[in-house]
N, C-alpha and C. Protein backbone atom coordinates (compact mmCIF):
# COMPACT_ATOMS: atom_id res chain seq x y z
N MET A 1 0.84 -1.18 0.00
CA MET A 1 0.00 0.00 0.00
C MET A 1 0.88 1.24 0.00
N LYS A 2 0.64 2.13 -0.91
CA LYS A 2 1.42 3.35 -1.05
C LYS A 2 0.98 4.38 -0.01
N PRO A 3 1.94 5.03 0.71
CA PRO A 3 1.54 6.04 1.68
C PRO A 3 0.90 7.25 0.99
N LYS A 4 -0.01 7.88 1.70
CA LYS A 4 -0.70 9.05 1.18
C LYS A 4 0.29 10.20 1.07
N SER A 5 0.27 10.94 -0.03
CA SER A 5 1.18 12.07 -0.16
C SER A 5 0.51 13.33 0.36
N TYR A 6 1.31 14.15 0.99
CA TYR A 6 0.81 15.39 1.57
C TYR A 6 1.53 16.57 0.96
N ASN A 7 0.79 17.64 0.73
CA ASN A 7 1.39 18.92 0.39
C ASN A 7 1.69 19.63 1.70
N ARG A 8 2.68 20.47 1.71
CA ARG A 8 2.96 21.27 2.90
C ARG A 8 2.50 22.69 2.61
N TYR A 9 1.47 23.12 3.30
CA TYR A 9 0.92 24.46 3.12
C TYR A 9 1.58 25.39 4.12
N LEU A 10 1.87 26.60 3.70
CA LEU A 10 2.50 27.59 4.56
C LEU A 10 1.43 28.61 4.96
N LEU A 11 1.25 28.77 6.26
CA LEU A 11 0.28 29.73 6.78
C LEU A 11 1.03 30.93 7.32
N GLU A 12 0.44 32.11 7.19
CA GLU A 12 1.07 33.33 7.67
C GLU A 12 0.09 34.04 8.60
N TYR A 13 0.60 34.60 9.69
CA TYR A 13 -0.22 35.39 10.59
C TYR A 13 0.65 36.44 11.26
N TYR A 14 0.01 37.42 11.84
CA TYR A 14 0.72 38.49 12.52
C TYR A 14 0.36 38.48 13.99
N HIS A 15 1.37 38.68 14.83
CA HIS A 15 1.15 38.71 16.27
C HIS A 15 2.19 39.64 16.89
N ALA A 16 1.73 40.53 17.75
CA ALA A 16 2.60 41.45 18.48
C ALA A 16 3.53 42.22 17.53
N GLY A 17 3.00 42.63 16.39
CA GLY A 17 3.77 43.42 15.45
C GLY A 17 4.75 42.65 14.59
N SER A 18 4.75 41.33 14.69
CA SER A 18 5.68 40.52 13.90
C SER A 18 4.92 39.55 13.01
N ARG A 19 5.57 39.14 11.94
CA ARG A 19 5.02 38.17 11.00
C ARG A 19 5.52 36.78 11.39
N TRP A 20 4.62 35.81 11.43
CA TRP A 20 4.95 34.44 11.79
C TRP A 20 4.42 33.51 10.72
N CYS A 21 5.08 32.37 10.54
CA CYS A 21 4.65 31.37 9.57
C CYS A 21 4.58 30.01 10.26
N MET A 22 3.76 29.15 9.69
CA MET A 22 3.58 27.81 10.23
C MET A 22 3.33 26.87 9.05
N LYS A 23 3.93 25.69 9.08
CA LYS A 23 3.71 24.68 8.05
C LYS A 23 2.60 23.75 8.49
N LEU A 24 1.77 23.37 7.54
CA LEU A 24 0.68 22.45 7.83
C LEU A 24 0.62 21.41 6.72
N PRO A 25 0.99 20.16 7.03
CA PRO A 25 0.94 19.12 5.98
C PRO A 25 -0.49 18.59 5.84
N LYS A 26 -1.08 18.76 4.68
CA LYS A 26 -2.44 18.29 4.44
C LYS A 26 -2.59 17.91 2.99
N THR A 27 -3.65 17.19 2.70
CA THR A 27 -3.86 16.69 1.35
C THR A 27 -4.57 17.69 0.45
N THR A 28 -5.47 18.50 1.01
CA THR A 28 -6.24 19.44 0.19
C THR A 28 -6.35 20.79 0.87
N MET A 29 -6.63 21.80 0.08
CA MET A 29 -6.83 23.14 0.64
C MET A 29 -8.07 23.16 1.54
N GLU A 30 -9.08 22.39 1.21
CA GLU A 30 -10.28 22.33 2.05
C GLU A 30 -9.94 21.79 3.44
N ASP A 31 -9.08 20.80 3.48
CA ASP A 31 -8.63 20.23 4.75
C ASP A 31 -7.87 21.28 5.56
N VAL A 32 -7.03 22.08 4.89
CA VAL A 32 -6.30 23.15 5.55
C VAL A 32 -7.28 24.15 6.17
N ARG A 33 -8.26 24.56 5.38
CA ARG A 33 -9.26 25.53 5.89
C ARG A 33 -10.03 24.97 7.09
N ALA A 34 -10.39 23.69 7.01
CA ALA A 34 -11.12 23.06 8.12
C ALA A 34 -10.26 23.05 9.38
N ARG A 35 -8.98 22.79 9.22
CA ARG A 35 -8.09 22.76 10.39
C ARG A 35 -7.87 24.16 10.96
N ILE A 36 -7.77 25.15 10.10
CA ILE A 36 -7.62 26.53 10.57
C ILE A 36 -8.85 26.93 11.39
N ASP A 37 -10.03 26.55 10.93
CA ASP A 37 -11.25 26.86 11.68
C ASP A 37 -11.24 26.23 13.06
N GLN A 38 -10.60 25.09 13.21
CA GLN A 38 -10.55 24.40 14.51
C GLN A 38 -9.45 24.92 15.42
N MET A 39 -8.53 25.72 14.91
CA MET A 39 -7.39 26.17 15.71
C MET A 39 -7.78 27.04 16.89
N GLN A 40 -8.93 27.70 16.83
CA GLN A 40 -9.34 28.51 17.97
C GLN A 40 -9.61 27.66 19.20
N ARG A 41 -9.79 26.37 19.01
CA ARG A 41 -10.03 25.45 20.13
C ARG A 41 -8.73 24.74 20.56
N ALA A 42 -7.63 25.06 19.91
CA ALA A 42 -6.36 24.40 20.23
C ALA A 42 -5.85 24.83 21.60
N LYS A 43 -5.05 23.96 22.23
CA LYS A 43 -4.42 24.31 23.49
C LYS A 43 -2.99 23.80 23.48
N VAL A 44 -2.16 24.44 24.27
CA VAL A 44 -0.76 24.05 24.36
C VAL A 44 -0.68 22.76 25.18
N ILE A 45 0.00 21.75 24.65
CA ILE A 45 0.12 20.49 25.38
C ILE A 45 1.57 20.15 25.71
N GLY A 46 2.50 20.95 25.28
CA GLY A 46 3.89 20.68 25.62
C GLY A 46 4.85 21.44 24.74
N ILE A 47 6.12 21.16 24.93
CA ILE A 47 7.20 21.81 24.20
C ILE A 47 7.86 20.76 23.32
N VAL A 48 8.08 21.09 22.05
CA VAL A 48 8.78 20.18 21.15
C VAL A 48 10.27 20.34 21.43
N GLU A 49 10.88 19.29 21.93
CA GLU A 49 12.31 19.34 22.24
C GLU A 49 13.13 18.69 21.15
N ALA A 50 12.55 17.78 20.39
CA ALA A 50 13.27 17.12 19.30
C ALA A 50 12.25 16.46 18.38
N GLU A 51 12.64 16.27 17.15
CA GLU A 51 11.83 15.54 16.19
C GLU A 51 12.66 14.34 15.72
N ILE A 52 12.13 13.17 15.92
CA ILE A 52 12.84 11.94 15.55
C ILE A 52 12.11 11.31 14.38
N PRO A 53 12.81 11.10 13.26
CA PRO A 53 12.15 10.50 12.10
C PRO A 53 11.58 9.12 12.42
N ALA A 54 10.44 8.82 11.84
CA ALA A 54 9.77 7.54 12.10
C ALA A 54 10.60 6.35 11.63
N ARG A 55 11.51 6.56 10.73
CA ARG A 55 12.30 5.43 10.22
C ARG A 55 13.18 4.81 11.30
N PHE A 56 13.37 5.51 12.43
CA PHE A 56 14.14 4.93 13.53
C PHE A 56 13.33 3.91 14.31
N GLY A 57 12.06 3.79 13.99
CA GLY A 57 11.23 2.69 14.46
C GLY A 57 10.89 2.66 15.93
N LEU A 58 10.76 1.43 16.43
CA LEU A 58 10.27 1.17 17.77
C LEU A 58 11.15 1.78 18.86
N VAL A 59 12.45 1.75 18.68
CA VAL A 59 13.35 2.31 19.70
C VAL A 59 13.06 3.79 19.91
N ALA A 60 12.91 4.53 18.82
CA ALA A 60 12.62 5.96 18.93
C ALA A 60 11.28 6.19 19.63
N ARG A 61 10.29 5.38 19.29
CA ARG A 61 8.98 5.52 19.94
C ARG A 61 9.07 5.27 21.44
N LEU A 62 9.81 4.25 21.83
CA LEU A 62 9.96 3.94 23.26
C LEU A 62 10.69 5.06 24.00
N VAL A 63 11.75 5.58 23.40
CA VAL A 63 12.49 6.69 24.03
C VAL A 63 11.56 7.89 24.21
N CYS A 64 10.81 8.21 23.19
CA CYS A 64 9.86 9.34 23.28
C CYS A 64 8.80 9.09 24.35
N TRP A 65 8.29 7.88 24.37
CA TRP A 65 7.25 7.55 25.34
C TRP A 65 7.77 7.71 26.77
N PHE A 66 8.96 7.18 27.04
CA PHE A 66 9.54 7.31 28.39
C PHE A 66 9.80 8.78 28.74
N ASN A 67 10.33 9.53 27.79
CA ASN A 67 10.55 10.95 28.05
C ASN A 67 9.25 11.66 28.38
N ASN A 68 8.22 11.38 27.62
CA ASN A 68 6.93 12.02 27.87
C ASN A 68 6.34 11.63 29.21
N VAL A 69 6.46 10.36 29.59
CA VAL A 69 5.92 9.90 30.87
C VAL A 69 6.61 10.61 32.02
N PHE A 70 7.92 10.69 31.97
CA PHE A 70 8.65 11.28 33.09
C PHE A 70 8.69 12.80 33.05
N ARG A 71 8.40 13.38 31.94
CA ARG A 71 8.41 14.84 31.82
C ARG A 71 7.03 15.44 32.15
N THR A 72 5.97 14.67 31.99
CA THR A 72 4.61 15.17 32.15
C THR A 72 4.39 15.81 33.52
N HIS A 73 4.88 15.18 34.57
CA HIS A 73 4.63 15.74 35.90
C HIS A 73 5.43 17.01 36.14
N ARG A 74 6.46 17.29 35.34
CA ARG A 74 7.26 18.49 35.53
C ARG A 74 6.80 19.66 34.67
N MET A 75 6.04 19.39 33.63
CA MET A 75 5.65 20.44 32.71
C MET A 75 4.63 21.36 33.37
N PRO A 76 4.86 22.68 33.32
CA PRO A 76 3.89 23.59 33.92
C PRO A 76 2.56 23.50 33.19
N GLN A 77 1.50 23.53 33.94
CA GLN A 77 0.18 23.47 33.34
C GLN A 77 -0.19 24.84 32.79
N THR A 78 -0.67 24.86 31.57
CA THR A 78 -1.11 26.09 30.96
C THR A 78 -2.53 26.37 31.46
N PRO A 79 -2.74 27.54 32.06
CA PRO A 79 -4.09 27.83 32.54
C PRO A 79 -5.07 27.96 31.37
N ASP A 80 -6.28 27.58 31.62
CA ASP A 80 -7.33 27.71 30.62
C ASP A 80 -7.56 29.20 30.38
N PRO A 81 -7.39 29.68 29.13
CA PRO A 81 -7.55 31.11 28.87
C PRO A 81 -8.97 31.59 29.12
N ARG A 82 -9.92 30.67 29.23
CA ARG A 82 -11.30 31.06 29.47
C ARG A 82 -11.63 31.08 30.96
N SER A 83 -10.65 30.75 31.84
CA SER A 83 -10.95 30.59 33.26
C SER A 83 -11.38 31.89 33.93
N ASP A 84 -10.94 33.02 33.40
CA ASP A 84 -11.33 34.30 33.99
C ASP A 84 -12.61 34.86 33.39
N LEU A 85 -13.19 34.13 32.47
CA LEU A 85 -14.46 34.57 31.89
C LEU A 85 -15.58 34.37 32.91
N GLU A 86 -16.44 35.36 33.00
CA GLU A 86 -17.60 35.24 33.86
C GLU A 86 -18.66 34.40 33.16
N ALA A 87 -19.62 33.92 33.92
CA ALA A 87 -20.64 33.00 33.38
C ALA A 87 -21.38 33.61 32.19
N ALA A 88 -21.75 34.87 32.28
CA ALA A 88 -22.48 35.51 31.18
C ALA A 88 -21.63 35.57 29.92
N ALA A 89 -20.34 35.81 30.07
CA ALA A 89 -19.44 35.86 28.92
C ALA A 89 -19.26 34.48 28.31
N ARG A 90 -19.09 33.45 29.16
CA ARG A 90 -18.95 32.09 28.65
C ARG A 90 -20.19 31.68 27.86
N GLU A 91 -21.35 32.03 28.39
CA GLU A 91 -22.59 31.69 27.70
C GLU A 91 -22.71 32.42 26.36
N ALA A 92 -22.36 33.70 26.36
CA ALA A 92 -22.44 34.49 25.13
C ALA A 92 -21.48 33.98 24.06
N LEU A 93 -20.31 33.49 24.47
CA LEU A 93 -19.29 33.04 23.53
C LEU A 93 -19.54 31.64 22.99
N GLY A 94 -20.16 30.78 23.78
CA GLY A 94 -20.27 29.38 23.37
C GLY A 94 -18.88 28.78 23.28
N ASN A 95 -18.51 28.25 22.13
CA ASN A 95 -17.19 27.65 21.93
C ASN A 95 -16.16 28.59 21.32
N VAL A 96 -16.51 29.85 21.13
CA VAL A 96 -15.60 30.82 20.52
C VAL A 96 -14.61 31.31 21.57
N SER A 97 -13.35 31.39 21.21
CA SER A 97 -12.35 31.89 22.16
C SER A 97 -12.54 33.39 22.37
N PRO A 98 -12.25 33.89 23.57
CA PRO A 98 -12.39 35.33 23.81
C PRO A 98 -11.47 36.15 22.91
N GLN A 99 -10.30 35.63 22.60
CA GLN A 99 -9.36 36.36 21.75
C GLN A 99 -9.92 36.52 20.33
N LEU A 100 -10.47 35.43 19.79
CA LEU A 100 -11.06 35.51 18.46
C LEU A 100 -12.28 36.43 18.48
N ALA A 101 -13.12 36.29 19.49
CA ALA A 101 -14.32 37.13 19.58
C ALA A 101 -13.95 38.60 19.65
N TRP A 102 -12.92 38.93 20.45
CA TRP A 102 -12.55 40.34 20.60
C TRP A 102 -11.98 40.89 19.29
N LEU A 103 -11.22 40.08 18.58
CA LEU A 103 -10.71 40.50 17.27
C LEU A 103 -11.89 40.75 16.32
N GLN A 104 -12.86 39.85 16.30
CA GLN A 104 -14.03 40.02 15.44
C GLN A 104 -14.85 41.24 15.85
N ILE A 105 -14.98 41.48 17.14
CA ILE A 105 -15.74 42.63 17.63
C ILE A 105 -15.07 43.93 17.19
N ARG A 106 -13.75 44.00 17.35
CA ARG A 106 -13.03 45.21 16.93
C ARG A 106 -13.17 45.43 15.42
N THR A 107 -13.09 44.34 14.66
CA THR A 107 -13.22 44.44 13.20
C THR A 107 -14.63 44.88 12.81
N MET A 108 -15.63 44.27 13.44
CA MET A 108 -17.02 44.63 13.13
C MET A 108 -17.32 46.07 13.54
N PHE A 109 -16.81 46.50 14.68
CA PHE A 109 -17.02 47.88 15.14
C PHE A 109 -16.48 48.84 14.09
N GLN A 110 -15.27 48.60 13.63
CA GLN A 110 -14.64 49.46 12.62
C GLN A 110 -15.47 49.46 11.33
N HIS A 111 -15.89 48.26 10.91
CA HIS A 111 -16.70 48.14 9.69
C HIS A 111 -18.02 48.89 9.83
N GLU A 112 -18.71 48.69 10.93
CA GLU A 112 -20.02 49.34 11.13
C GLU A 112 -19.85 50.86 11.24
N MET A 113 -18.77 51.29 11.86
CA MET A 113 -18.51 52.72 12.00
C MET A 113 -18.31 53.36 10.62
N GLU A 114 -17.65 52.66 9.72
CA GLU A 114 -17.39 53.20 8.38
C GLU A 114 -18.57 53.00 7.43
N GLU A 115 -19.16 51.82 7.45
CA GLU A 115 -20.22 51.48 6.50
C GLU A 115 -21.55 52.19 6.82
N TYR A 116 -21.83 52.38 8.09
CA TYR A 116 -23.10 52.99 8.53
C TYR A 116 -22.80 54.27 9.30
N ARG A 117 -22.03 55.15 8.69
CA ARG A 117 -21.50 56.33 9.38
C ARG A 117 -22.59 57.18 10.04
N GLY A 118 -23.62 57.49 9.31
CA GLY A 118 -24.68 58.34 9.85
C GLY A 118 -25.36 57.71 11.06
N ALA A 119 -25.74 56.46 10.92
CA ALA A 119 -26.40 55.75 12.02
C ALA A 119 -25.44 55.59 13.20
N ALA A 120 -24.17 55.34 12.92
CA ALA A 120 -23.18 55.19 13.99
C ALA A 120 -23.03 56.48 14.77
N GLU A 121 -22.96 57.61 14.07
CA GLU A 121 -22.85 58.92 14.75
C GLU A 121 -24.10 59.20 15.59
N SER A 122 -25.28 58.84 15.06
CA SER A 122 -26.53 59.03 15.82
C SER A 122 -26.53 58.18 17.08
N LEU A 123 -26.07 56.94 16.99
CA LEU A 123 -26.01 56.07 18.17
C LEU A 123 -25.01 56.61 19.20
N ALA A 124 -23.88 57.11 18.73
CA ALA A 124 -22.88 57.68 19.65
C ALA A 124 -23.45 58.90 20.36
N LYS A 125 -24.19 59.70 19.63
CA LYS A 125 -24.82 60.89 20.23
C LYS A 125 -25.89 60.47 21.24
N TYR A 126 -26.68 59.47 20.88
CA TYR A 126 -27.73 58.96 21.77
C TYR A 126 -27.15 58.43 23.08
N GLU A 127 -26.01 57.74 23.01
CA GLU A 127 -25.36 57.19 24.21
C GLU A 127 -24.50 58.22 24.93
N ASN A 128 -24.44 59.45 24.39
CA ASN A 128 -23.62 60.53 24.97
C ASN A 128 -22.15 60.16 25.05
N LEU A 129 -21.65 59.58 24.00
CA LEU A 129 -20.23 59.20 23.93
C LEU A 129 -19.39 60.48 23.98
N PRO A 130 -18.49 60.60 24.99
CA PRO A 130 -17.72 61.83 25.14
C PRO A 130 -16.54 61.95 24.18
N GLU A 131 -16.26 60.92 23.43
CA GLU A 131 -15.13 60.93 22.50
C GLU A 131 -15.63 60.56 21.11
N SER A 132 -14.78 60.67 20.14
CA SER A 132 -15.18 60.29 18.78
C SER A 132 -15.21 58.77 18.66
N LEU A 133 -15.94 58.31 17.66
CA LEU A 133 -15.96 56.87 17.39
C LEU A 133 -14.57 56.37 17.03
N GLU A 134 -13.80 57.19 16.33
CA GLU A 134 -12.43 56.81 15.95
C GLU A 134 -11.56 56.62 17.20
N SER A 135 -11.72 57.51 18.19
CA SER A 135 -10.95 57.39 19.44
C SER A 135 -11.33 56.12 20.19
N LEU A 136 -12.62 55.83 20.21
CA LEU A 136 -13.06 54.60 20.87
C LEU A 136 -12.50 53.38 20.15
N ALA A 137 -12.56 53.38 18.82
CA ALA A 137 -12.02 52.26 18.05
C ALA A 137 -10.54 52.08 18.33
N ALA A 138 -9.80 53.17 18.41
CA ALA A 138 -8.36 53.10 18.69
C ALA A 138 -8.11 52.58 20.10
N SER A 139 -8.90 53.00 21.07
CA SER A 139 -8.69 52.55 22.45
C SER A 139 -9.05 51.07 22.60
N MET A 140 -9.97 50.57 21.77
CA MET A 140 -10.35 49.15 21.84
C MET A 140 -9.17 48.24 21.51
N GLU A 141 -8.21 48.75 20.73
CA GLU A 141 -7.03 47.97 20.38
C GLU A 141 -6.25 47.56 21.63
N GLY A 142 -6.28 48.40 22.66
CA GLY A 142 -5.52 48.13 23.87
C GLY A 142 -6.26 47.34 24.93
N PHE A 143 -7.54 47.08 24.74
CA PHE A 143 -8.30 46.32 25.74
C PHE A 143 -7.87 44.86 25.73
N LEU A 144 -7.81 44.26 26.89
CA LEU A 144 -7.55 42.82 26.99
C LEU A 144 -8.84 42.08 26.65
N PRO A 145 -8.75 41.00 25.87
CA PRO A 145 -9.97 40.33 25.41
C PRO A 145 -10.90 39.83 26.52
N ILE A 146 -10.37 39.18 27.54
CA ILE A 146 -11.26 38.58 28.56
C ILE A 146 -12.03 39.64 29.35
N PRO A 147 -11.37 40.67 29.92
CA PRO A 147 -12.18 41.68 30.61
C PRO A 147 -13.14 42.40 29.66
N ALA A 148 -12.70 42.66 28.43
CA ALA A 148 -13.57 43.35 27.48
C ALA A 148 -14.83 42.53 27.19
N ILE A 149 -14.67 41.23 26.99
CA ILE A 149 -15.82 40.36 26.75
C ILE A 149 -16.69 40.28 28.00
N ASN A 150 -16.07 40.22 29.18
CA ASN A 150 -16.85 40.20 30.43
C ASN A 150 -17.73 41.44 30.53
N TYR A 151 -17.15 42.63 30.29
CA TYR A 151 -17.92 43.88 30.37
C TYR A 151 -19.04 43.90 29.32
N LEU A 152 -18.72 43.47 28.11
CA LEU A 152 -19.69 43.48 27.02
C LEU A 152 -20.87 42.56 27.33
N ALA A 153 -20.58 41.36 27.83
CA ALA A 153 -21.65 40.41 28.14
C ALA A 153 -22.48 40.88 29.34
N GLU A 154 -21.83 41.49 30.31
CA GLU A 154 -22.54 42.00 31.49
C GLU A 154 -23.52 43.12 31.10
N SER A 155 -23.09 44.00 30.22
CA SER A 155 -23.91 45.15 29.82
C SER A 155 -24.95 44.81 28.77
N ASN A 156 -24.75 43.70 28.07
CA ASN A 156 -25.65 43.31 26.98
C ASN A 156 -26.01 41.84 27.15
N PRO A 157 -26.86 41.50 28.13
CA PRO A 157 -27.12 40.09 28.46
C PRO A 157 -27.71 39.26 27.33
N ASP A 158 -28.33 39.88 26.35
CA ASP A 158 -28.93 39.12 25.24
C ASP A 158 -28.00 39.01 24.03
N LEU A 159 -26.80 39.52 24.13
CA LEU A 159 -25.87 39.51 23.01
C LEU A 159 -25.29 38.11 22.80
N ASP A 160 -25.44 37.59 21.59
CA ASP A 160 -24.92 36.27 21.24
C ASP A 160 -23.63 36.46 20.43
N LEU A 161 -22.51 35.99 20.97
CA LEU A 161 -21.21 36.17 20.33
C LEU A 161 -20.71 34.90 19.65
N THR A 162 -21.59 33.96 19.41
CA THR A 162 -21.15 32.69 18.82
C THR A 162 -20.92 32.79 17.31
N ASP A 163 -21.48 33.80 16.66
CA ASP A 163 -21.32 33.96 15.22
C ASP A 163 -21.30 35.45 14.88
N ILE A 164 -20.30 36.16 15.38
CA ILE A 164 -20.21 37.61 15.28
C ILE A 164 -20.29 38.12 13.84
N PRO A 165 -19.59 37.50 12.88
CA PRO A 165 -19.65 38.06 11.51
C PRO A 165 -21.06 38.08 10.90
N HIS A 166 -21.98 37.29 11.44
CA HIS A 166 -23.32 37.24 10.86
C HIS A 166 -24.38 37.96 11.70
N LEU A 167 -23.95 38.77 12.65
CA LEU A 167 -24.91 39.56 13.43
C LEU A 167 -25.51 40.65 12.55
N GLN A 168 -26.69 41.12 12.93
CA GLN A 168 -27.35 42.20 12.21
C GLN A 168 -26.48 43.46 12.23
N PRO A 169 -26.54 44.26 11.17
CA PRO A 169 -25.74 45.49 11.14
C PRO A 169 -25.99 46.36 12.37
N LEU A 170 -24.94 46.95 12.86
CA LEU A 170 -24.90 47.87 14.00
C LEU A 170 -25.07 47.19 15.36
N THR A 171 -25.25 45.87 15.40
CA THR A 171 -25.41 45.17 16.67
C THR A 171 -24.17 45.34 17.55
N ILE A 172 -23.00 45.15 16.98
CA ILE A 172 -21.77 45.26 17.76
C ILE A 172 -21.53 46.71 18.16
N LEU A 173 -21.72 47.63 17.24
CA LEU A 173 -21.51 49.04 17.56
C LEU A 173 -22.42 49.47 18.70
N LYS A 174 -23.68 49.10 18.64
CA LYS A 174 -24.63 49.43 19.73
C LYS A 174 -24.17 48.83 21.05
N ALA A 175 -23.76 47.56 21.01
CA ALA A 175 -23.35 46.86 22.24
C ALA A 175 -22.10 47.50 22.85
N VAL A 176 -21.13 47.84 22.01
CA VAL A 176 -19.90 48.46 22.52
C VAL A 176 -20.20 49.83 23.11
N LEU A 177 -21.00 50.64 22.40
CA LEU A 177 -21.36 51.97 22.92
C LEU A 177 -22.12 51.85 24.24
N HIS A 178 -23.07 50.93 24.29
CA HIS A 178 -23.85 50.74 25.51
C HIS A 178 -22.95 50.33 26.68
N THR A 179 -22.03 49.43 26.40
CA THR A 179 -21.09 48.99 27.44
C THR A 179 -20.21 50.14 27.89
N GLN A 180 -19.69 50.88 26.94
CA GLN A 180 -18.78 51.99 27.24
C GLN A 180 -19.45 53.04 28.13
N MET A 181 -20.74 53.25 27.94
CA MET A 181 -21.42 54.33 28.64
C MET A 181 -22.21 53.89 29.87
N THR A 182 -22.41 52.58 30.07
CA THR A 182 -23.26 52.15 31.19
C THR A 182 -22.61 51.15 32.14
N ASN A 183 -21.50 50.53 31.77
CA ASN A 183 -20.93 49.50 32.63
C ASN A 183 -20.24 50.12 33.83
N ASP A 184 -20.78 49.83 35.03
CA ASP A 184 -20.26 50.43 36.26
C ASP A 184 -18.78 50.11 36.49
N ARG A 185 -18.40 48.87 36.24
CA ARG A 185 -16.99 48.48 36.48
C ARG A 185 -16.06 49.19 35.50
N LEU A 186 -16.50 49.36 34.29
CA LEU A 186 -15.69 50.02 33.28
C LEU A 186 -15.60 51.53 33.56
N LEU A 187 -16.66 52.08 34.07
CA LEU A 187 -16.68 53.52 34.34
C LEU A 187 -15.97 53.91 35.64
N SER A 188 -15.76 52.93 36.53
CA SER A 188 -15.14 53.27 37.81
C SER A 188 -13.63 53.38 37.73
């Protein structure tokens, strides 16, 4: 039986002002896209200290297994990034990570501010926003995702963040403005 051949796809992303790349061996572009969609649920399970080719066979597998068994109790546990989420935020997010949700919220806010300029200005005026929408959008860049999602869910209990890109127009802008102007913890 002939082994399945894989293409190596190169993924690019930006983090903390730097460009990063990652290789992903897969058979089809659809498979790559499906795996990228699942990456928001990924978690760190350890540190790669060496890669041993499979051709070294059973001995290599046994060495790796023993190393993993004896190293497991020493490896620091990575805290669950959702552990600081409040119940309302966890419910609003469903299975979406707070980091992805906050990125989508910032993107949607910017889009709604530009695409629906008149309505956005009216909503800002209605909520008595003391700064411009542009200033608020810029300050959102510095918010930490978990507290930001906590405040947003607390101030907007009916807000569903499980599919942010498909929310009705101005939903995110309204929710952010409402949170900015009414959340006691944020205002204190």
